[in-house]
Amino acid sequence: MKENINNIAVFYTKNNMKRILEIKKIFRNSNKFTLFIANYFSELLYSLGKYHVQLLMIDGETVELTDDFESMQTDGGFGVPDNILYLGFKENNFNVDNRTKFCITYESLFRRLVPLKDRILLNIREKSSLEFDIKVVNQFMSEYLIRLGFVPKLMGFNYIKQCIEESICNNCGILGSLSTEVYPRVASRNKTSAVNIERNIRSSINNAQKNSDAYSGINGLFNNAPISNRAFLAYLLDQVLINCTQYQQSINF
């Protein structure tokens, strides 16, 4: 069920902080729009699935766009906005009110997701679930987390993997709300509290940052910036969807 919040604007970018600050400044005193920032593919799907988005802005500096957005607009049921603003940032100034409708999508950024995207959207509309090979996904996540500096013996290591599993199994590959959806489901599996899940994931992320130097591991990925639980889980979910191509043959209609 989508939340009935009017005039939602979403800015999709790959952690372009300069542009994020510019967009936030433009919308700061706006009476027309509530702004959401999506730094990851899964965050973009989450915002489009959760809200009735009126304006989708795409950062042309960090997101390469190809193919056609037309099918998603005319297919119905998913609420893709009519107003899609492709921000190439070739001009020094732009006005949000001077919007142009573009039929474009973001698939080229995740070329291995192209066969998967339409099926994910179909599953969202039909409220069905996404099946996958749990052994393949778990092996990928374990190896990937260790490369980033995570320690398997910490509880947060397994909680992180379970959060991703829950997002794929129960939310069609969308991360969803951590506090009301993901953490409670993982907590129920482990007979603990959602707060404990959150704290252990936070502890594992902090430990991985301590284990990595400035140019490698998790610190290298996030440019030594503070990392929230949501930012890291969204990033890891993207990596699972991109790399575990077994999903492409295992989706129910």
Protein backbone atom coordinates (compact mmCIF):
# COMPACT_ATOMS: atom_id res chain seq x y z
CA MET A 1 0.00 0.00 0.00
CA LYS A 2 1.46 3.33 -1.05
CA GLU A 3 1.53 6.14 1.49
CA ASN A 4 -0.83 8.95 0.59
CA ILE A 5 1.70 11.78 0.64
CA ASN A 6 1.20 14.35 -2.08
CA ASN A 7 3.84 16.01 -4.25
CA ILE A 8 6.82 13.73 -3.67
CA ALA A 9 10.04 14.51 -5.53
CA VAL A 10 12.83 11.91 -5.76
CA PHE A 11 16.43 12.70 -6.73
CA TYR A 12 18.35 9.63 -7.94
CA THR A 13 22.13 10.00 -7.78
CA LYS A 14 25.19 7.90 -7.01
CA ASN A 15 26.33 9.78 -3.89
CA ASN A 16 26.99 13.07 -5.69
CA MET A 17 27.11 15.22 -2.54
CA LYS A 18 27.58 18.48 -4.43
CA ARG A 19 24.39 17.94 -6.41
CA ILE A 20 22.51 16.62 -3.39
CA LEU A 21 23.25 19.86 -1.54
CA GLU A 22 22.18 21.90 -4.57
CA ILE A 23 18.91 19.99 -4.90
CA LYS A 24 18.21 20.25 -1.17
CA LYS A 25 18.80 24.00 -1.33
CA ILE A 26 16.33 24.37 -4.19
CA PHE A 27 13.64 22.38 -2.37
CA ARG A 28 14.33 23.74 1.11
CA ASN A 29 11.58 26.34 1.01
CA SER A 30 9.35 24.54 -1.46
CA ASN A 31 5.66 24.40 -0.66
CA LYS A 32 5.05 22.06 -3.58
CA PHE A 33 7.30 19.07 -2.97
CA THR A 34 8.64 16.79 -0.26
CA LEU A 35 12.13 15.69 -1.33
CA PHE A 36 13.63 12.20 -1.01
CA ILE A 37 17.20 11.29 -1.99
CA ALA A 38 17.90 7.85 -3.52
CA ASN A 39 21.59 6.92 -3.67
CA TYR A 40 21.05 3.29 -4.67
CA PHE A 41 18.96 1.34 -7.17
CA SER A 42 17.07 -0.40 -4.36
CA GLU A 43 16.36 2.96 -2.74
CA LEU A 44 14.94 4.23 -6.02
CA LEU A 45 12.64 1.22 -6.33
CA TYR A 46 11.64 1.65 -2.68
CA SER A 47 10.63 5.28 -3.15
CA LEU A 48 8.73 4.60 -6.38
CA GLY A 49 6.92 1.68 -4.79
CA LYS A 50 6.13 3.40 -1.48
CA TYR A 51 5.06 6.88 -2.57
CA HIS A 52 3.02 8.51 -5.30
CA VAL A 53 5.99 10.28 -6.85
CA GLN A 54 5.20 13.37 -8.92
CA LEU A 55 8.75 14.30 -9.92
CA LEU A 56 11.69 11.97 -10.53
CA MET A 57 15.04 13.71 -11.00
CA ILE A 58 18.01 11.73 -12.27
CA ASP A 59 21.61 12.87 -11.85
CA GLY A 60 23.10 12.82 -15.34
CA GLU A 61 26.64 13.11 -13.95
CA THR A 62 26.59 9.83 -12.08
CA VAL A 63 23.81 7.80 -13.72
CA GLU A 64 24.15 6.76 -17.35
CA LEU A 65 20.72 6.40 -18.95
CA THR A 66 19.60 4.38 -21.95
CA ASP A 67 16.55 2.55 -23.24
CA ASP A 68 12.93 3.56 -22.85
CA PHE A 69 10.90 4.51 -19.80
CA GLU A 70 7.66 4.47 -21.79
CA SER A 71 6.59 0.93 -20.86
CA MET A 72 6.81 1.66 -17.15
CA GLN A 73 4.68 4.76 -17.59
CA THR A 74 1.95 3.19 -19.70
CA ASP A 75 1.83 -0.22 -18.04
CA GLY A 76 0.01 1.13 -15.01
CA GLY A 77 -0.08 0.13 -11.38
CA PHE A 78 3.41 1.15 -10.31
CA GLY A 79 2.96 4.90 -10.11
CA VAL A 80 5.96 5.99 -12.15
CA PRO A 81 5.71 9.79 -12.36
CA ASP A 82 4.73 11.63 -15.51
CA ASN A 83 7.34 14.30 -14.81
CA ILE A 84 10.82 12.84 -15.22
CA LEU A 85 13.61 15.39 -15.12
CA TYR A 86 16.99 14.30 -16.46
CA LEU A 87 19.54 16.58 -14.83
CA GLY A 88 22.63 16.55 -17.00
CA PHE A 89 24.03 19.56 -15.15
CA LYS A 90 25.53 20.95 -18.33
CA GLU A 91 23.91 24.26 -17.51
CA ASN A 92 25.05 26.26 -14.52
CA ASN A 93 21.52 26.95 -13.41
CA PHE A 94 18.22 25.18 -13.69
CA ASN A 95 14.71 25.79 -12.42
CA VAL A 96 12.68 22.94 -11.00
CA ASP A 97 9.51 24.55 -12.32
CA ASN A 98 10.84 24.33 -15.89
CA ARG A 99 10.40 20.58 -16.06
CA THR A 100 10.56 18.50 -19.20
CA LYS A 101 9.06 15.06 -19.61
CA PHE A 102 11.63 12.50 -20.68
CA CYS A 103 11.04 8.83 -21.51
CA ILE A 104 14.29 7.52 -20.05
CA THR A 105 15.40 4.92 -17.57
CA TYR A 106 18.40 4.06 -15.43
CA GLU A 107 19.03 0.49 -16.63
CA SER A 108 22.45 0.99 -18.16
CA LEU A 109 23.90 1.62 -14.72
CA PHE A 110 22.93 -1.94 -13.83
CA ARG A 111 23.19 -3.73 -17.18
CA ARG A 112 22.94 -7.13 -15.55
CA LEU A 113 19.59 -6.11 -14.09
CA VAL A 114 17.94 -5.34 -17.43
CA PRO A 115 16.13 -8.72 -17.74
CA LEU A 116 15.17 -8.50 -14.08
CA LYS A 117 13.75 -4.99 -13.81
CA ASP A 118 10.40 -5.53 -15.53
CA ARG A 119 9.81 -8.76 -13.63
CA ILE A 120 10.51 -7.08 -10.30
CA LEU A 121 8.02 -4.35 -11.15
CA LEU A 122 5.46 -6.95 -12.19
CA ASN A 123 5.92 -8.78 -8.90
CA ILE A 124 5.48 -5.55 -6.99
CA ARG A 125 2.17 -4.91 -8.71
CA GLU A 126 0.95 -8.46 -8.17
CA LYS A 127 2.29 -8.60 -4.59
CA SER A 128 4.09 -11.84 -5.34
CA SER A 129 7.56 -12.76 -4.12
CA LEU A 130 11.00 -13.16 -5.65
CA GLU A 131 12.61 -16.60 -5.36
CA PHE A 132 16.35 -17.15 -5.37
CA ASP A 133 19.05 -19.68 -4.56
CA ILE A 134 19.78 -18.96 -0.91
CA LYS A 135 23.07 -20.86 -0.96
CA VAL A 136 24.39 -18.77 -3.86
CA VAL A 137 23.30 -15.52 -2.26
CA ASN A 138 24.70 -16.40 1.16
CA GLN A 139 28.04 -17.45 -0.30
CA PHE A 140 28.30 -14.24 -2.30
CA MET A 141 27.41 -12.06 0.69
CA SER A 142 29.80 -13.84 3.05
CA GLU A 143 32.74 -13.51 0.67
CA TYR A 144 31.88 -9.92 -0.19
CA LEU A 145 31.47 -8.84 3.45
CA ILE A 146 34.79 -10.42 4.42
CA ARG A 147 36.53 -8.54 1.59
CA LEU A 148 35.09 -5.33 2.99
CA GLY A 149 36.54 -6.04 6.43
CA PHE A 150 33.54 -7.58 8.22
CA VAL A 151 34.16 -10.28 10.85
CA PRO A 152 31.95 -13.40 10.52
CA LYS A 153 31.96 -14.18 14.26
CA LEU A 154 30.11 -10.94 15.07
CA MET A 155 26.32 -11.25 15.29
CA GLY A 156 25.84 -8.31 12.96
CA PHE A 157 27.49 -10.26 10.14
CA ASN A 158 24.59 -12.73 9.97
CA TYR A 159 21.98 -10.07 10.71
CA ILE A 160 23.17 -8.08 7.69
CA LYS A 161 22.76 -11.13 5.46
CA GLN A 162 19.33 -11.86 6.89
CA CYS A 163 18.19 -8.28 6.21
CA ILE A 164 19.07 -8.75 2.55
CA GLU A 165 17.33 -12.14 2.44
CA GLU A 166 14.18 -10.63 3.93
CA SER A 167 14.21 -7.78 1.43
CA ILE A 168 14.40 -10.16 -1.51
CA CYS A 169 12.02 -12.82 -0.18
CA ASN A 170 9.33 -10.59 1.27
CA ASN A 171 9.71 -7.25 -0.49
CA CYS A 172 10.53 -8.03 -4.14
CA GLY A 173 14.15 -6.92 -3.90
CA ILE A 174 13.34 -3.58 -2.25
CA LEU A 175 14.96 -2.75 1.09
CA GLY A 176 11.84 -1.30 2.67
CA SER A 177 11.59 0.35 6.07
CA LEU A 178 14.23 -0.93 8.48
CA SER A 179 12.40 -0.04 11.67
CA THR A 180 8.92 -1.30 10.74
CA GLU A 181 9.65 -4.07 8.23
CA VAL A 182 13.18 -5.45 7.98
CA TYR A 183 14.47 -5.34 11.58
CA PRO A 184 11.26 -6.78 13.12
CA ARG A 185 11.25 -9.72 10.68
CA VAL A 186 14.92 -10.51 11.31
CA ALA A 187 14.36 -10.11 15.05
CA SER A 188 11.49 -12.59 14.92
CA ARG A 189 13.72 -15.14 13.18
CA ASN A 190 16.35 -14.81 15.89
CA LYS A 191 14.02 -14.39 18.90
CA THR A 192 15.47 -11.02 19.80
CA SER A 193 14.46 -7.36 19.52
CA ALA A 194 14.59 -5.06 16.50
CA VAL A 195 16.77 -2.70 18.54
CA ASN A 196 19.28 -5.50 19.07
CA ILE A 197 19.38 -6.19 15.33
CA GLU A 198 20.03 -2.51 14.60
CA ARG A 199 22.77 -2.23 17.23
CA ASN A 200 24.61 -5.37 16.12
CA ILE A 201 24.58 -4.26 12.48
CA ARG A 202 25.87 -0.85 13.52
CA SER A 203 28.62 -2.52 15.57
CA SER A 204 29.67 -4.72 12.63
CA ILE A 205 29.83 -1.73 10.28
CA ASN A 206 31.92 0.24 12.79
CA ASN A 207 34.25 -2.74 13.24
CA ALA A 208 34.66 -3.14 9.47
CA GLN A 209 35.58 0.54 9.21
CA LYS A 210 38.24 0.07 11.88
CA ASN A 211 39.61 -2.95 9.99
CA SER A 212 39.91 -1.04 6.70
CA ASP A 213 42.38 1.65 5.75
CA ALA A 214 41.34 4.83 3.98
CA TYR A 215 41.62 3.36 0.50
CA SER A 216 40.34 -0.20 0.80
CA GLY A 217 37.43 -2.18 2.14
CA ILE A 218 34.31 -0.44 3.27
CA ASN A 219 36.09 2.89 3.80
CA GLY A 220 37.26 2.98 0.21
CA LEU A 221 33.73 2.38 -1.05
CA PHE A 222 32.21 5.16 1.02
CA ASN A 223 35.13 7.60 0.78
CA ASN A 224 35.75 7.44 4.55
CA ALA A 225 32.37 9.03 5.21
CA PRO A 226 30.07 7.99 8.07
CA ILE A 227 27.99 4.98 6.99
CA SER A 228 24.43 4.48 8.18
CA ASN A 229 22.90 1.02 8.45
CA ARG A 230 20.45 1.87 5.68
CA ALA A 231 23.12 3.16 3.31
CA PHE A 232 25.21 0.02 3.68
CA LEU A 233 22.28 -2.40 3.42
CA ALA A 234 21.02 -0.62 0.31
CA TYR A 235 24.50 -0.84 -1.22
CA LEU A 236 24.83 -4.54 -0.40
CA LEU A 237 21.37 -5.29 -1.77
CA ASP A 238 22.37 -3.65 -5.05
CA GLN A 239 25.48 -5.82 -5.20
CA VAL A 240 23.44 -8.97 -4.63
CA LEU A 241 20.96 -8.09 -7.36
CA ILE A 242 23.75 -7.19 -9.79
CA ASN A 243 26.00 -10.18 -9.16
CA CYS A 244 23.67 -13.06 -8.37
CA THR A 245 22.35 -13.52 -11.88
CA GLN A 246 20.61 -16.74 -10.86
CA TYR A 247 17.67 -14.50 -9.96
CA GLN A 248 17.01 -13.90 -13.63
CA GLN A 249 15.83 -17.46 -14.14
CA SER A 250 13.97 -17.89 -10.85
CA ILE A 251 11.21 -15.29 -10.72
CA ASN A 252 7.59 -16.30 -10.32
CA PHE A 253 4.88 -14.53 -12.28
